[in-house]
Amino acid sequence: MKISFDVQLKVAGIPMPRTEYEFHPERDFRFDYAWPDHKVALESDGGIFGKGKKCELCGRRRAGAHSSIKDILRNMDKGNEAAILGWKVLHVTPDELVNGHAQWLLERAMLR
């Protein structure tokens, strides 16, 4: 069953996130969803699937949007900077925002 991400958060008692939250003091790095009081962020990585060649492992098609070398290196840099600043960054697919997996990860991350 798919339930909107906002509804899942309300039911679980998780505060509403800040969206497009700029977390770095000097660089233009943003999280899709952030809970600054908990230093927890959630990134929805939907640009990894598209119209390209099918993946041999999962059968989904590869995309070019966020899977270029330049974007992969930028995302690695962003993740490293987040870790240095003490953030827990979770990565999910768009489907995981509505199937409950993202909410489950958030509950675990905020309890620790």
PDB file of N, CA and C in Angstrom:
ATOM      1  N   MET A   1       0.845  -1.185   0.000  1.00  0.00           N
ATOM      2  CA  MET A   1       0.000   0.000   0.000  1.00  0.00           C
ATOM      3  C   MET A   1       0.885   1.242   0.000  1.00  0.00           C
ATOM      4  N   LYS A   2       0.539   2.185  -0.846  1.00  0.00           N
ATOM      5  CA  LYS A   2       1.312   3.417  -0.929  1.00  0.00           C
ATOM      6  C   LYS A   2       0.580   4.539  -0.207  1.00  0.00           C
ATOM      7  N   ILE A   3       1.286   5.162   0.739  1.00  0.00           N
ATOM      8  CA  ILE A   3       0.732   6.277   1.506  1.00  0.00           C
ATOM      9  C   ILE A   3       1.689   7.443   1.342  1.00  0.00           C
ATOM     10  N   SER A   4       1.161   8.642   1.182  1.00  0.00           N
ATOM     11  CA  SER A   4       2.031   9.799   0.956  1.00  0.00           C
ATOM     12  C   SER A   4       3.057   9.924   2.082  1.00  0.00           C
ATOM     13  N   PHE A   5       4.215  10.424   1.703  1.00  0.00           N
ATOM     14  CA  PHE A   5       5.318  10.570   2.645  1.00  0.00           C
ATOM     15  C   PHE A   5       4.917  11.454   3.821  1.00  0.00           C
ATOM     16  N   ASP A   6       4.226  12.560   3.558  1.00  0.00           N
ATOM     17  CA  ASP A   6       3.788  13.466   4.632  1.00  0.00           C
ATOM     18  C   ASP A   6       2.887  12.748   5.640  1.00  0.00           C
ATOM     19  N   VAL A   7       1.963  11.939   5.152  1.00  0.00           N
ATOM     20  CA  VAL A   7       1.052  11.205   6.037  1.00  0.00           C
ATOM     21  C   VAL A   7       1.829  10.192   6.867  1.00  0.00           C
ATOM     22  N   GLN A   8       2.766   9.500   6.240  1.00  0.00           N
ATOM     23  CA  GLN A   8       3.587   8.536   6.981  1.00  0.00           C
ATOM     24  C   GLN A   8       4.336   9.209   8.132  1.00  0.00           C
ATOM     25  N   LEU A   9       4.898  10.386   7.846  1.00  0.00           N
ATOM     26  CA  LEU A   9       5.645  11.098   8.886  1.00  0.00           C
ATOM     27  C   LEU A   9       4.735  11.505  10.033  1.00  0.00           C
ATOM     28  N   LYS A  10       3.542  12.021   9.707  1.00  0.00           N
ATOM     29  CA  LYS A  10       2.600  12.433  10.757  1.00  0.00           C
ATOM     30  C   LYS A  10       2.204  11.255  11.630  1.00  0.00           C
ATOM     31  N   VAL A  11       1.870  10.117  10.997  1.00  0.00           N
ATOM     32  CA  VAL A  11       1.454   8.925  11.745  1.00  0.00           C
ATOM     33  C   VAL A  11       2.592   8.427  12.647  1.00  0.00           C
ATOM     34  N   ALA A  12       3.826   8.501  12.152  1.00  0.00           N
ATOM     35  CA  ALA A  12       4.978   8.020  12.921  1.00  0.00           C
ATOM     36  C   ALA A  12       5.449   9.023  13.966  1.00  0.00           C
ATOM     37  N   GLY A  13       4.889  10.236  13.946  1.00  0.00           N
ATOM     38  CA  GLY A  13       5.310  11.252  14.909  1.00  0.00           C
ATOM     39  C   GLY A  13       6.641  11.901  14.556  1.00  0.00           C
ATOM     40  N   ILE A  14       7.030  11.797  13.295  1.00  0.00           N
ATOM     41  CA  ILE A  14       8.277  12.424  12.835  1.00  0.00           C
ATOM     42  C   ILE A  14       7.946  13.846  12.391  1.00  0.00           C
ATOM     43  N   PRO A  15       8.697  14.830  12.854  1.00  0.00           N
ATOM     44  CA  PRO A  15       8.401  16.213  12.454  1.00  0.00           C
ATOM     45  C   PRO A  15       8.525  16.396  10.940  1.00  0.00           C
ATOM     46  N   MET A  16       7.816  17.375  10.423  1.00  0.00           N
ATOM     47  CA  MET A  16       7.907  17.672   8.998  1.00  0.00           C
ATOM     48  C   MET A  16       9.312  18.191   8.683  1.00  0.00           C
ATOM     49  N   PRO A  17       9.856  17.778   7.555  1.00  0.00           N
ATOM     50  CA  PRO A  17      11.220  18.182   7.216  1.00  0.00           C
ATOM     51  C   PRO A  17      11.287  19.568   6.594  1.00  0.00           C
ATOM     52  N   ARG A  18      12.475  20.108   6.572  1.00  0.00           N
ATOM     53  CA  ARG A  18      12.770  21.288   5.759  1.00  0.00           C
ATOM     54  C   ARG A  18      13.137  20.737   4.394  1.00  0.00           C
ATOM     55  N   THR A  19      12.603  21.309   3.339  1.00  0.00           N
ATOM     56  CA  THR A  19      12.912  20.831   1.992  1.00  0.00           C
ATOM     57  C   THR A  19      13.923  21.756   1.323  1.00  0.00           C
ATOM     58  N   GLU A  20      14.704  21.148   0.433  1.00  0.00           N
ATOM     59  CA  GLU A  20      15.768  21.881  -0.261  1.00  0.00           C
ATOM     60  C   GLU A  20      16.619  22.677   0.738  1.00  0.00           C
ATOM     61  N   TYR A  21      16.976  22.010   1.810  1.00  0.00           N
ATOM     62  CA  TYR A  21      17.693  22.642   2.919  1.00  0.00           C
ATOM     63  C   TYR A  21      19.174  22.808   2.578  1.00  0.00           C
ATOM     64  N   GLU A  22      19.647  24.048   2.608  1.00  0.00           N
ATOM     65  CA  GLU A  22      21.054  24.343   2.343  1.00  0.00           C
ATOM     66  C   GLU A  22      21.838  24.129   3.642  1.00  0.00           C
ATOM     67  N   PHE A  23      22.623  23.059   3.665  1.00  0.00           N
ATOM     68  CA  PHE A  23      23.280  22.662   4.913  1.00  0.00           C
ATOM     69  C   PHE A  23      24.721  23.145   5.050  1.00  0.00           C
ATOM     70  N   HIS A  24      25.347  23.513   3.960  1.00  0.00           N
ATOM     71  CA  HIS A  24      26.763  23.864   4.025  1.00  0.00           C
ATOM     72  C   HIS A  24      26.933  25.376   4.149  1.00  0.00           C
ATOM     73  N   PRO A  25      27.800  25.828   5.045  1.00  0.00           N
ATOM     74  CA  PRO A  25      27.954  27.276   5.255  1.00  0.00           C
ATOM     75  C   PRO A  25      28.612  28.015   4.089  1.00  0.00           C
ATOM     76  N   GLU A  26      29.355  27.307   3.238  1.00  0.00           N
ATOM     77  CA  GLU A  26      30.096  27.978   2.175  1.00  0.00           C
ATOM     78  C   GLU A  26      29.753  27.506   0.767  1.00  0.00           C
ATOM     79  N   ARG A  27      29.118  26.357   0.636  1.00  0.00           N
ATOM     80  CA  ARG A  27      28.849  25.790  -0.683  1.00  0.00           C
ATOM     81  C   ARG A  27      27.348  25.637  -0.888  1.00  0.00           C
ATOM     82  N   ASP A  28      26.948  25.634  -2.128  1.00  0.00           N
ATOM     83  CA  ASP A  28      25.525  25.538  -2.458  1.00  0.00           C
ATOM     84  C   ASP A  28      25.097  24.067  -2.518  1.00  0.00           C
ATOM     85  N   PHE A  29      25.189  23.386  -1.373  1.00  0.00           N
ATOM     86  CA  PHE A  29      24.748  22.001  -1.251  1.00  0.00           C
ATOM     87  C   PHE A  29      23.420  21.995  -0.517  1.00  0.00           C
ATOM     88  N   ARG A  30      22.455  21.266  -1.066  1.00  0.00           N
ATOM     89  CA  ARG A  30      21.120  21.187  -0.467  1.00  0.00           C
ATOM     90  C   ARG A  30      20.701  19.730  -0.307  1.00  0.00           C
ATOM     91  N   PHE A  31      19.934  19.481   0.756  1.00  0.00           N
ATOM     92  CA  PHE A  31      19.313  18.170   0.942  1.00  0.00           C
ATOM     93  C   PHE A  31      17.876  18.246   0.447  1.00  0.00           C
ATOM     94  N   ASP A  32      17.373  17.155  -0.106  1.00  0.00           N
ATOM     95  CA  ASP A  32      15.963  17.110  -0.503  1.00  0.00           C
ATOM     96  C   ASP A  32      15.067  17.330   0.717  1.00  0.00           C
ATOM     97  N   TYR A  33      15.363  16.599   1.790  1.00  0.00           N
ATOM     98  CA  TYR A  33      14.612  16.709   3.048  1.00  0.00           C
ATOM     99  C   TYR A  33      15.627  16.739   4.185  1.00  0.00           C
ATOM    100  N   ALA A  34      15.413  17.597   5.166  1.00  0.00           N
ATOM    101  CA  ALA A  34      16.360  17.673   6.281  1.00  0.00           C
ATOM    102  C   ALA A  34      15.642  17.942   7.594  1.00  0.00           C
ATOM    103  N   TRP A  35      16.191  17.370   8.641  1.00  0.00           N
ATOM    104  CA  TRP A  35      15.760  17.600  10.014  1.00  0.00           C
ATOM    105  C   TRP A  35      16.987  18.143  10.746  1.00  0.00           C
ATOM    106  N   PRO A  36      17.232  19.460  10.630  1.00  0.00           N
ATOM    107  CA  PRO A  36      18.461  20.052  11.190  1.00  0.00           C
ATOM    108  C   PRO A  36      18.655  19.795  12.683  1.00  0.00           C
ATOM    109  N   ASP A  37      17.582  19.755  13.453  1.00  0.00           N
ATOM    110  CA  ASP A  37      17.711  19.513  14.895  1.00  0.00           C
ATOM    111  C   ASP A  37      18.286  18.132  15.189  1.00  0.00           C
ATOM    112  N   HIS A  38      18.081  17.203  14.272  1.00  0.00           N
ATOM    113  CA  HIS A  38      18.573  15.831  14.437  1.00  0.00           C
ATOM    114  C   HIS A  38      19.826  15.565  13.591  1.00  0.00           C
ATOM    115  N   LYS A  39      20.162  16.520  12.718  1.00  0.00           N
ATOM    116  CA  LYS A  39      21.255  16.349  11.746  1.00  0.00           C
ATOM    117  C   LYS A  39      21.034  15.083  10.918  1.00  0.00           C
ATOM    118  N   VAL A  40      19.792  14.907  10.467  1.00  0.00           N
ATOM    119  CA  VAL A  40      19.419  13.789   9.600  1.00  0.00           C
ATOM    120  C   VAL A  40      18.883  14.369   8.300  1.00  0.00           C
ATOM    121  N   ALA A  41      19.317  13.790   7.193  1.00  0.00           N
ATOM    122  CA  ALA A  41      18.852  14.230   5.880  1.00  0.00           C
ATOM    123  C   ALA A  41      18.418  13.023   5.064  1.00  0.00           C
ATOM    124  N   LEU A  42      17.526  13.284   4.118  1.00  0.00           N
ATOM    125  CA  LEU A  42      17.020  12.234   3.240  1.00  0.00           C
ATOM    126  C   LEU A  42      17.122  12.728   1.802  1.00  0.00           C
ATOM    127  N   GLU A  43      17.776  11.940   0.968  1.00  0.00           N
ATOM    128  CA  GLU A  43      17.921  12.271  -0.437  1.00  0.00           C
ATOM    129  C   GLU A  43      17.122  11.263  -1.258  1.00  0.00           C
ATOM    130  N   SER A  44      16.270  11.767  -2.129  1.00  0.00           N
ATOM    131  CA  SER A  44      15.511  10.918  -3.033  1.00  0.00           C
ATOM    132  C   SER A  44      16.263  10.863  -4.352  1.00  0.00           C
ATOM    133  N   ASP A  45      16.846   9.711  -4.623  1.00  0.00           N
ATOM    134  CA  ASP A  45      17.696   9.549  -5.803  1.00  0.00           C
ATOM    135  C   ASP A  45      16.908   8.930  -6.949  1.00  0.00           C
ATOM    136  N   GLY A  46      16.058   9.729  -7.554  1.00  0.00           N
ATOM    137  CA  GLY A  46      15.209   9.229  -8.631  1.00  0.00           C
ATOM    138  C   GLY A  46      15.815   9.324 -10.001  1.00  0.00           C
ATOM    139  N   GLY A  47      16.856  10.128 -10.164  1.00  0.00           N
ATOM    140  CA  GLY A  47      17.424  10.328 -11.481  1.00  0.00           C
ATOM    141  C   GLY A  47      18.332   9.211 -11.945  1.00  0.00           C
ATOM    142  N   ILE A  48      18.345   8.085 -11.237  1.00  0.00           N
ATOM    143  CA  ILE A  48      19.244   7.004 -11.613  1.00  0.00           C
ATOM    144  C   ILE A  48      18.632   6.048 -12.620  1.00  0.00           C
ATOM    145  N   PHE A  49      17.340   6.161 -12.874  1.00  0.00           N
ATOM    146  CA  PHE A  49      16.691   5.274 -13.825  1.00  0.00           C
ATOM    147  C   PHE A  49      16.136   6.075 -14.986  1.00  0.00           C
ATOM    148  N   GLY A  50      16.169   5.521 -16.171  1.00  0.00           N
ATOM    149  CA  GLY A  50      15.678   6.273 -17.313  1.00  0.00           C
ATOM    150  C   GLY A  50      15.514   5.450 -18.563  1.00  0.00           C
ATOM    151  N   LYS A  51      16.003   5.957 -19.688  1.00  0.00           N
ATOM    152  CA  LYS A  51      15.770   5.346 -20.989  1.00  0.00           C
ATOM    153  C   LYS A  51      16.994   4.638 -21.558  1.00  0.00           C
ATOM    154  N   GLY A  52      18.073   4.619 -20.816  1.00  0.00           N
ATOM    155  CA  GLY A  52      19.308   4.023 -21.311  1.00  0.00           C
ATOM    156  C   GLY A  52      19.280   2.509 -21.312  1.00  0.00           C
ATOM    157  N   LYS A  53      20.461   1.928 -21.437  1.00  0.00           N
ATOM    158  CA  LYS A  53      20.639   0.485 -21.458  1.00  0.00           C
ATOM    159  C   LYS A  53      20.158  -0.130 -20.139  1.00  0.00           C
ATOM    160  N   LYS A  54      19.528  -1.313 -20.219  1.00  0.00           N
ATOM    161  CA  LYS A  54      19.041  -1.973 -19.002  1.00  0.00           C
ATOM    162  C   LYS A  54      20.204  -2.464 -18.146  1.00  0.00           C
ATOM    163  N   CYS A  55      20.035  -2.300 -16.838  1.00  0.00           N
ATOM    164  CA  CYS A  55      21.003  -2.805 -15.872  1.00  0.00           C
ATOM    165  C   CYS A  55      20.934  -4.331 -15.856  1.00  0.00           C
ATOM    166  N   GLU A  56      22.091  -4.983 -15.841  1.00  0.00           N
ATOM    167  CA  GLU A  56      22.142  -6.446 -15.828  1.00  0.00           C
ATOM    168  C   GLU A  56      21.654  -7.033 -14.511  1.00  0.00           C
ATOM    169  N   LEU A  57      21.736  -6.261 -13.424  1.00  0.00           N
ATOM    170  CA  LEU A  57      21.342  -6.764 -12.106  1.00  0.00           C
ATOM    171  C   LEU A  57      19.856  -6.608 -11.818  1.00  0.00           C
ATOM    172  N   CYS A  58      19.324  -5.388 -12.029  1.00  0.00           N
ATOM    173  CA  CYS A  58      17.935  -5.130 -11.620  1.00  0.00           C
ATOM    174  C   CYS A  58      16.962  -5.021 -12.795  1.00  0.00           C
ATOM    175  N   GLY A  59      17.469  -4.884 -14.012  1.00  0.00           N
ATOM    176  CA  GLY A  59      16.595  -4.794 -15.173  1.00  0.00           C
ATOM    177  C   GLY A  59      16.063  -3.409 -15.467  1.00  0.00           C
ATOM    178  N   ARG A  60      16.337  -2.443 -14.578  1.00  0.00           N
ATOM    179  CA  ARG A  60      15.882  -1.072 -14.830  1.00  0.00           C
ATOM    180  C   ARG A  60      16.809  -0.412 -15.841  1.00  0.00           C
ATOM    181  N   ARG A  61      16.302   0.609 -16.475  1.00  0.00           N
ATOM    182  CA  ARG A  61      17.097   1.316 -17.474  1.00  0.00           C
ATOM    183  C   ARG A  61      17.950   2.402 -16.816  1.00  0.00           C
ATOM    184  N   ARG A  62      19.166   2.543 -17.303  1.00  0.00           N
ATOM    185  CA  ARG A  62      20.073   3.564 -16.788  1.00  0.00           C
ATOM    186  C   ARG A  62      19.705   4.921 -17.359  1.00  0.00           C
ATOM    187  N   ALA A  63      20.031   5.955 -16.614  1.00  0.00           N
ATOM    188  CA  ALA A  63      19.723   7.321 -17.041  1.00  0.00           C
ATOM    189  C   ALA A  63      20.999   8.133 -17.168  1.00  0.00           C
ATOM    190  N   GLY A  64      20.861   9.339 -17.654  1.00  0.00           N
ATOM    191  CA  GLY A  64      22.015  10.208 -17.779  1.00  0.00           C
ATOM    192  C   GLY A  64      21.979  11.385 -16.824  1.00  0.00           C
ATOM    193  N   ALA A  65      20.816  11.727 -16.294  1.00  0.00           N
ATOM    194  CA  ALA A  65      20.644  12.956 -15.509  1.00  0.00           C
ATOM    195  C   ALA A  65      21.618  13.060 -14.343  1.00  0.00           C
ATOM    196  N   HIS A  66      21.462  12.231 -13.333  1.00  0.00           N
ATOM    197  CA  HIS A  66      22.321  12.301 -12.154  1.00  0.00           C
ATOM    198  C   HIS A  66      23.379  11.207 -12.159  1.00  0.00           C
ATOM    199  N   SER A  67      23.566  10.573 -13.310  1.00  0.00           N
ATOM    200  CA  SER A  67      24.547   9.497 -13.341  1.00  0.00           C
ATOM    201  C   SER A  67      25.751   9.842 -14.215  1.00  0.00           C
ATOM    202  N   SER A  68      25.898  11.106 -14.577  1.00  0.00           N
ATOM    203  CA  SER A  68      27.105  11.502 -15.306  1.00  0.00           C
ATOM    204  C   SER A  68      28.273  11.515 -14.326  1.00  0.00           C
ATOM    205  N   ILE A  69      29.480  11.396 -14.855  1.00  0.00           N
ATOM    206  CA  ILE A  69      30.667  11.403 -13.990  1.00  0.00           C
ATOM    207  C   ILE A  69      30.722  12.689 -13.172  1.00  0.00           C
ATOM    208  N   LYS A  70      30.435  13.810 -13.808  1.00  0.00           N
ATOM    209  CA  LYS A  70      30.462  15.103 -13.110  1.00  0.00           C
ATOM    210  C   LYS A  70      29.486  15.111 -11.933  1.00  0.00           C
ATOM    211  N   ASP A  71      28.259  14.633 -12.154  1.00  0.00           N
ATOM    212  CA  ASP A  71      27.252  14.634 -11.088  1.00  0.00           C
ATOM    213  C   ASP A  71      27.572  13.622  -9.995  1.00  0.00           C
ATOM    214  N   ILE A  72      28.132  12.480 -10.377  1.00  0.00           N
ATOM    215  CA  ILE A  72      28.512  11.491  -9.371  1.00  0.00           C
ATOM    216  C   ILE A  72      29.607  12.065  -8.470  1.00  0.00           C
ATOM    217  N   LEU A  73      30.592  12.724  -9.072  1.00  0.00           N
ATOM    218  CA  LEU A  73      31.670  13.321  -8.272  1.00  0.00           C
ATOM    219  C   LEU A  73      31.139  14.436  -7.374  1.00  0.00           C
ATOM    220  N   ARG A  74      30.205  15.251  -7.879  1.00  0.00           N
ATOM    221  CA  ARG A  74      29.603  16.314  -7.058  1.00  0.00           C
ATOM    222  C   ARG A  74      28.824  15.709  -5.892  1.00  0.00           C
ATOM    223  N   ASN A  75      28.075  14.638  -6.147  1.00  0.00           N
ATOM    224  CA  ASN A  75      27.319  13.999  -5.067  1.00  0.00           C
ATOM    225  C   ASN A  75      28.247  13.355  -4.040  1.00  0.00           C
ATOM    226  N   MET A  76      29.378  12.819  -4.494  1.00  0.00           N
ATOM    227  CA  MET A  76      30.355  12.273  -3.552  1.00  0.00           C
ATOM    228  C   MET A  76      30.915  13.389  -2.675  1.00  0.00           C
ATOM    229  N   ASP A  77      31.239  14.517  -3.285  1.00  0.00           N
ATOM    230  CA  ASP A  77      31.752  15.668  -2.547  1.00  0.00           C
ATOM    231  C   ASP A  77      30.715  16.159  -1.536  1.00  0.00           C
ATOM    232  N   LYS A  78      29.474  16.254  -1.976  1.00  0.00           N
ATOM    233  CA  LYS A  78      28.378  16.684  -1.099  1.00  0.00           C
ATOM    234  C   LYS A  78      28.246  15.726   0.092  1.00  0.00           C
ATOM    235  N   GLY A  79      28.277  14.422  -0.171  1.00  0.00           N
ATOM    236  CA  GLY A  79      28.163  13.441   0.902  1.00  0.00           C
ATOM    237  C   GLY A  79      29.317  13.509   1.879  1.00  0.00           C
ATOM    238  N   ASN A  80      30.513  13.708   1.356  1.00  0.00           N
ATOM    239  CA  ASN A  80      31.680  13.831   2.230  1.00  0.00           C
ATOM    240  C   ASN A  80      31.588  15.070   3.110  1.00  0.00           C
ATOM    241  N   GLU A  81      31.180  16.188   2.515  1.00  0.00           N
ATOM    242  CA  GLU A  81      31.037  17.430   3.295  1.00  0.00           C
ATOM    243  C   GLU A  81      29.963  17.266   4.367  1.00  0.00           C
ATOM    244  N   ALA A  82      28.871  16.590   4.032  1.00  0.00           N
ATOM    245  CA  ALA A  82      27.808  16.350   5.016  1.00  0.00           C
ATOM    246  C   ALA A  82      28.345  15.511   6.180  1.00  0.00           C
ATOM    247  N   ALA A  83      29.094  14.477   5.872  1.00  0.00           N
ATOM    248  CA  ALA A  83      29.656  13.618   6.920  1.00  0.00           C
ATOM    249  C   ALA A  83      30.613  14.397   7.807  1.00  0.00           C
ATOM    250  N   ILE A  84      31.458  15.233   7.204  1.00  0.00           N
ATOM    251  CA  ILE A  84      32.406  16.044   7.978  1.00  0.00           C
ATOM    252  C   ILE A  84      31.655  16.964   8.942  1.00  0.00           C
ATOM    253  N   LEU A  85      30.490  17.459   8.505  1.00  0.00           N
ATOM    254  CA  LEU A  85      29.687  18.350   9.353  1.00  0.00           C
ATOM    255  C   LEU A  85      28.766  17.586  10.317  1.00  0.00           C
ATOM    256  N   GLY A  86      28.872  16.256  10.332  1.00  0.00           N
ATOM    257  CA  GLY A  86      28.138  15.456  11.307  1.00  0.00           C
ATOM    258  C   GLY A  86      26.731  15.032  10.909  1.00  0.00           C
ATOM    259  N   TRP A  87      26.387  15.091   9.630  1.00  0.00           N
ATOM    260  CA  TRP A  87      25.048  14.705   9.172  1.00  0.00           C
ATOM    261  C   TRP A  87      24.962  13.210   8.901  1.00  0.00           C
ATOM    262  N   LYS A  88      23.779  12.628   9.206  1.00  0.00           N
ATOM    263  CA  LYS A  88      23.427  11.288   8.744  1.00  0.00           C
ATOM    264  C   LYS A  88      22.594  11.493   7.484  1.00  0.00           C
ATOM    265  N   VAL A  89      23.066  10.975   6.364  1.00  0.00           N
ATOM    266  CA  VAL A  89      22.358  11.167   5.101  1.00  0.00           C
ATOM    267  C   VAL A  89      21.861   9.818   4.599  1.00  0.00           C
ATOM    268  N   LEU A  90      20.560   9.709   4.459  1.00  0.00           N
ATOM    269  CA  LEU A  90      19.918   8.493   3.959  1.00  0.00           C
ATOM    270  C   LEU A  90      19.550   8.689   2.487  1.00  0.00           C
ATOM    271  N   HIS A  91      19.655   7.636   1.699  1.00  0.00           N
ATOM    272  CA  HIS A  91      19.327   7.694   0.275  1.00  0.00           C
ATOM    273  C   HIS A  91      18.223   6.697  -0.029  1.00  0.00           C
ATOM    274  N   VAL A  92      17.180   7.165  -0.702  1.00  0.00           N
ATOM    275  CA  VAL A  92      16.056   6.313  -1.079  1.00  0.00           C
ATOM    276  C   VAL A  92      15.646   6.600  -2.521  1.00  0.00           C
ATOM    277  N   THR A  93      14.853   5.707  -3.075  1.00  0.00           N
ATOM    278  CA  THR A  93      14.257   5.932  -4.387  1.00  0.00           C
ATOM    279  C   THR A  93      12.890   6.593  -4.183  1.00  0.00           C
ATOM    280  N   PRO A  94      12.319   7.180  -5.232  1.00  0.00           N
ATOM    281  CA  PRO A  94      10.978   7.765  -5.078  1.00  0.00           C
ATOM    282  C   PRO A  94       9.940   6.755  -4.593  1.00  0.00           C
ATOM    283  N   ASP A  95      10.035   5.505  -5.039  1.00  0.00           N
ATOM    284  CA  ASP A  95       9.089   4.477  -4.579  1.00  0.00           C
ATOM    285  C   ASP A  95       9.186   4.265  -3.074  1.00  0.00           C
ATOM    286  N   GLU A  96      10.391   4.383  -2.533  1.00  0.00           N
ATOM    287  CA  GLU A  96      10.588   4.151  -1.099  1.00  0.00           C
ATOM    288  C   GLU A  96      10.019   5.276  -0.243  1.00  0.00           C
ATOM    289  N   LEU A  97       9.763   6.429  -0.849  1.00  0.00           N
ATOM    290  CA  LEU A  97       9.098   7.511  -0.114  1.00  0.00           C
ATOM    291  C   LEU A  97       7.645   7.161   0.183  1.00  0.00           C
ATOM    292  N   VAL A  98       7.021   6.372  -0.671  1.00  0.00           N
ATOM    293  CA  VAL A  98       5.598   6.066  -0.490  1.00  0.00           C
ATOM    294  C   VAL A  98       5.321   4.634  -0.039  1.00  0.00           C
ATOM    295  N   ASN A  99       6.332   3.753  -0.070  1.00  0.00           N
ATOM    296  CA  ASN A  99       6.065   2.379   0.362  1.00  0.00           C
ATOM    297  C   ASN A  99       6.426   2.121   1.820  1.00  0.00           C
ATOM    298  N   GLY A 100       6.877   3.165   2.534  1.00  0.00           N
ATOM    299  CA  GLY A 100       7.165   3.035   3.959  1.00  0.00           C
ATOM    300  C   GLY A 100       8.628   2.840   4.307  1.00  0.00           C
ATOM    301  N   HIS A 101       9.455   2.508   3.333  1.00  0.00           N
ATOM    302  CA  HIS A 101      10.864   2.247   3.635  1.00  0.00           C
ATOM    303  C   HIS A 101      11.594   3.499   4.129  1.00  0.00           C
ATOM    304  N   ALA A 102      11.342   4.640   3.507  1.00  0.00           N
ATOM    305  CA  ALA A 102      12.002   5.888   3.922  1.00  0.00           C
ATOM    306  C   ALA A 102      11.625   6.243   5.358  1.00  0.00           C
ATOM    307  N   GLN A 103      10.367   6.111   5.682  1.00  0.00           N
ATOM    308  CA  GLN A 103       9.895   6.415   7.046  1.00  0.00           C
ATOM    309  C   GLN A 103      10.554   5.477   8.056  1.00  0.00           C
ATOM    310  N   TRP A 104      10.685   4.204   7.713  1.00  0.00           N
ATOM    311  CA  TRP A 104      11.330   3.213   8.581  1.00  0.00           C
ATOM    312  C   TRP A 104      12.787   3.589   8.823  1.00  0.00           C
ATOM    313  N   LEU A 105      13.508   3.995   7.761  1.00  0.00           N
ATOM    314  CA  LEU A 105      14.896   4.415   7.905  1.00  0.00           C
ATOM    315  C   LEU A 105      15.005   5.658   8.793  1.00  0.00           C
ATOM    316  N   LEU A 106      14.108   6.611   8.586  1.00  0.00           N
ATOM    317  CA  LEU A 106      14.129   7.840   9.386  1.00  0.00           C
ATOM    318  C   LEU A 106      13.914   7.552  10.865  1.00  0.00           C
ATOM    319  N   GLU A 107      12.956   6.686  11.164  1.00  0.00           N
ATOM    320  CA  GLU A 107      12.710   6.332  12.564  1.00  0.00           C
ATOM    321  C   GLU A 107      13.974   5.764  13.192  1.00  0.00           C
ATOM    322  N   ARG A 108      14.653   4.879  12.501  1.00  0.00           N
ATOM    323  CA  ARG A 108      15.881   4.274  13.024  1.00  0.00           C
ATOM    324  C   ARG A 108      16.982   5.308  13.184  1.00  0.00           C
ATOM    325  N   ALA A 109      17.130   6.200  12.193  1.00  0.00           N
ATOM    326  CA  ALA A 109      18.202   7.199  12.243  1.00  0.00           C
ATOM    327  C   ALA A 109      17.982   8.206  13.367  1.00  0.00           C
ATOM    328  N   MET A 110      16.739   8.547  13.627  1.00  0.00           N
ATOM    329  CA  MET A 110      16.458   9.552  14.651  1.00  0.00           C
ATOM    330  C   MET A 110      16.498   8.982  16.068  1.00  0.00           C
ATOM    331  N   LEU A 111      16.371   7.684  16.197  1.00  0.00           N
ATOM    332  CA  LEU A 111      16.441   7.052  17.513  1.00  0.00           C
ATOM    333  C   LEU A 111      17.869   6.889  17.996  1.00  0.00           C
ATOM    334  N   ARG A 112      18.821   6.920  17.100  1.00  0.00           N
ATOM    335  CA  ARG A 112      20.232   6.685  17.465  1.00  0.00           C
ATOM    336  C   ARG A 112      20.951   7.962  17.732  1.00  0.00           C
TER     337      ARG A 112
END
